[in-house]
Amino acid sequence: MKSKFYLLPVVFSIFIVCMATVSTSSFNIKPGMIKVVILYPNGEGKNFNMDYYSSKHMPMAAKLFGDSLKAMSIDKGLSAGAPGAPMPYLAAGYFYFENMASCQKLMSAHSAQLRADVVNYTNTVPVIQISEVMRAE
């Protein structure tokens, strides 16, 4: 009977090709865009419902932001840089806008509704940073 391990190099090669074709350019992220980062700090007694965040909160935000939202992504915290160190953030959400004017307009119009939903998925206070994308590949 032939070993099924002969497929492993083929599967691995397909995986590498697929990963190589996924880049920020496939999400239309480019230099000059505005990136809003929402970080959810970790700490004793802090919790985060990733299922709610990814299936309800972020889609609600995307709907509110409409076509002005060029891309969004979600990170789930796993660990810090040092082995065994606790992760500094439970999660992070990212929104990309074409320019600061559209970002500020949409954030001010919808921030109250988005903030009101935070209690549905976490008990930590989010940290927000707005940045300009300097490089995207």
Protein backbone atom coordinates (compact mmCIF):
# COMPACT_ATOMS: atom_id res chain seq x y z
CA MET A 1 0.00 0.00 0.00
CA LYS A 2 1.39 3.40 -0.99
CA SER A 3 1.95 6.01 1.69
CA LYS A 4 -0.31 9.07 1.59
CA PHE A 5 2.64 11.26 2.55
CA TYR A 6 3.50 11.75 -1.12
CA LEU A 7 0.71 14.34 -1.20
CA LEU A 8 2.26 16.41 1.59
CA PRO A 9 4.75 18.31 -0.65
CA VAL A 10 1.95 19.08 -3.13
CA VAL A 11 -0.40 20.37 -0.44
CA PHE A 12 2.39 22.40 1.17
CA SER A 13 3.31 23.94 -2.22
CA ILE A 14 -0.30 24.92 -2.89
CA PHE A 15 -0.50 26.49 0.58
CA ILE A 16 2.67 28.54 -0.03
CA VAL A 17 1.42 29.76 -3.42
CA CYS A 18 -1.93 30.75 -1.93
CA MET A 19 -0.29 32.60 0.96
CA ALA A 20 2.08 34.39 -1.41
CA THR A 21 -0.84 35.73 -3.43
CA VAL A 22 -2.61 37.13 -0.35
CA SER A 23 -1.33 40.58 0.44
CA THR A 24 -2.66 43.90 1.61
CA SER A 25 -3.01 44.89 -2.04
CA SER A 26 -5.79 42.31 -2.36
CA PHE A 27 -7.64 44.37 0.24
CA ASN A 28 -7.02 47.65 -1.60
CA ILE A 29 -4.75 48.98 1.15
CA LYS A 30 -2.27 51.54 -0.12
CA PRO A 31 0.01 54.26 1.20
CA GLY A 32 -1.79 57.42 2.27
CA MET A 33 -4.89 55.62 3.51
CA ILE A 34 -6.10 56.11 7.06
CA LYS A 35 -6.01 53.11 9.37
CA VAL A 36 -8.06 52.99 12.56
CA VAL A 37 -6.76 50.42 15.04
CA ILE A 38 -8.90 49.36 18.00
CA LEU A 39 -6.87 47.41 20.56
CA TYR A 40 -8.50 45.48 23.40
CA PRO A 41 -6.01 45.26 26.30
CA ASN A 42 -5.59 42.03 28.20
CA GLY A 43 -5.56 41.93 31.98
CA GLU A 44 -6.80 40.07 34.99
CA GLY A 45 -10.53 39.42 34.71
CA LYS A 46 -10.72 40.76 31.15
CA ASN A 47 -12.68 38.79 28.57
CA PHE A 48 -13.47 39.03 24.88
CA ASN A 49 -16.18 37.27 22.85
CA MET A 50 -14.52 36.83 19.46
CA ASP A 51 -17.57 35.15 17.96
CA TYR A 52 -19.79 38.16 18.71
CA TYR A 53 -17.11 40.62 17.61
CA SER A 54 -16.45 38.92 14.27
CA SER A 55 -20.02 37.93 13.42
CA LYS A 56 -22.01 40.91 14.75
CA HIS A 57 -19.98 43.98 15.78
CA MET A 58 -17.56 44.25 12.87
CA PRO A 59 -20.23 43.52 10.22
CA MET A 60 -22.41 46.20 11.85
CA ALA A 61 -19.50 48.66 11.63
CA ALA A 62 -18.90 47.73 7.98
CA LYS A 63 -22.55 48.35 7.18
CA LEU A 64 -22.51 51.71 8.97
CA PHE A 65 -19.32 52.81 7.18
CA GLY A 66 -20.58 51.66 3.78
CA ASP A 67 -18.46 52.15 0.67
CA SER A 68 -16.13 54.55 2.50
CA LEU A 69 -14.68 51.56 4.34
CA LYS A 70 -12.01 50.19 2.00
CA ALA A 71 -10.93 47.21 4.11
CA MET A 72 -11.17 45.79 7.60
CA SER A 73 -9.55 42.97 9.49
CA ILE A 74 -9.59 41.33 12.90
CA ASP A 75 -6.73 39.89 14.95
CA LYS A 76 -7.08 37.47 17.83
CA GLY A 77 -4.34 37.85 20.43
CA LEU A 78 -2.26 34.74 21.03
CA SER A 79 0.87 35.71 22.96
CA ALA A 80 3.49 38.37 23.52
CA GLY A 81 6.89 38.33 21.84
CA ALA A 82 8.61 36.37 24.60
CA PRO A 83 7.71 32.69 24.95
CA GLY A 84 5.17 32.17 27.71
CA ALA A 85 4.51 35.89 28.18
CA PRO A 86 0.82 36.83 28.32
CA MET A 87 -0.61 38.52 25.27
CA PRO A 88 -0.84 42.30 25.70
CA TYR A 89 -4.10 42.52 23.73
CA LEU A 90 -7.06 40.16 23.56
CA ALA A 91 -7.91 41.32 20.05
CA ALA A 92 -7.51 44.11 17.54
CA GLY A 93 -9.80 45.47 14.86
CA TYR A 94 -8.67 47.47 11.86
CA PHE A 95 -10.59 49.82 9.56
CA TYR A 96 -9.10 51.41 6.44
CA PHE A 97 -10.44 54.59 4.87
CA GLU A 98 -9.37 56.49 1.77
CA ASN A 99 -8.70 59.73 3.66
CA MET A 100 -8.97 61.43 7.04
CA ALA A 101 -12.08 63.42 6.09
CA SER A 102 -14.16 60.30 5.41
CA CYS A 103 -12.74 58.58 8.49
CA GLN A 104 -13.61 61.48 10.81
CA LYS A 105 -17.05 61.95 9.27
CA LEU A 106 -18.01 58.30 9.70
CA MET A 107 -16.43 57.89 13.13
CA SER A 108 -18.24 60.91 14.50
CA ALA A 109 -21.54 59.83 12.94
CA HIS A 110 -21.41 56.23 14.24
CA SER A 111 -19.07 56.14 17.25
CA ALA A 112 -21.88 56.31 19.83
CA GLN A 113 -23.65 53.29 18.32
CA LEU A 114 -20.40 51.33 18.04
CA ARG A 115 -19.31 52.22 21.60
CA ALA A 116 -22.70 51.16 22.96
CA ASP A 117 -22.17 47.69 21.48
CA VAL A 118 -18.78 47.11 23.17
CA VAL A 119 -20.41 45.75 26.37
CA ASN A 120 -21.81 42.89 24.27
CA TYR A 121 -18.38 41.40 23.59
CA THR A 122 -15.83 42.66 26.14
CA ASN A 123 -15.30 44.19 29.56
CA THR A 124 -12.02 45.87 28.63
CA VAL A 125 -11.68 49.51 27.56
CA PRO A 126 -10.49 49.72 23.94
CA VAL A 127 -7.48 51.78 22.94
CA ILE A 128 -7.84 53.55 19.59
CA GLN A 129 -5.10 54.80 17.31
CA ILE A 130 -5.55 56.50 13.94
CA SER A 131 -2.58 56.25 11.59
CA GLU A 132 -1.59 56.96 8.03
CA VAL A 133 -0.51 53.89 6.05
CA MET A 134 3.06 54.49 4.93
CA ARG A 135 3.66 51.24 3.08
CA ALA A 136 1.47 48.36 1.92
CA GLU A 137 2.60 45.30 -0.03
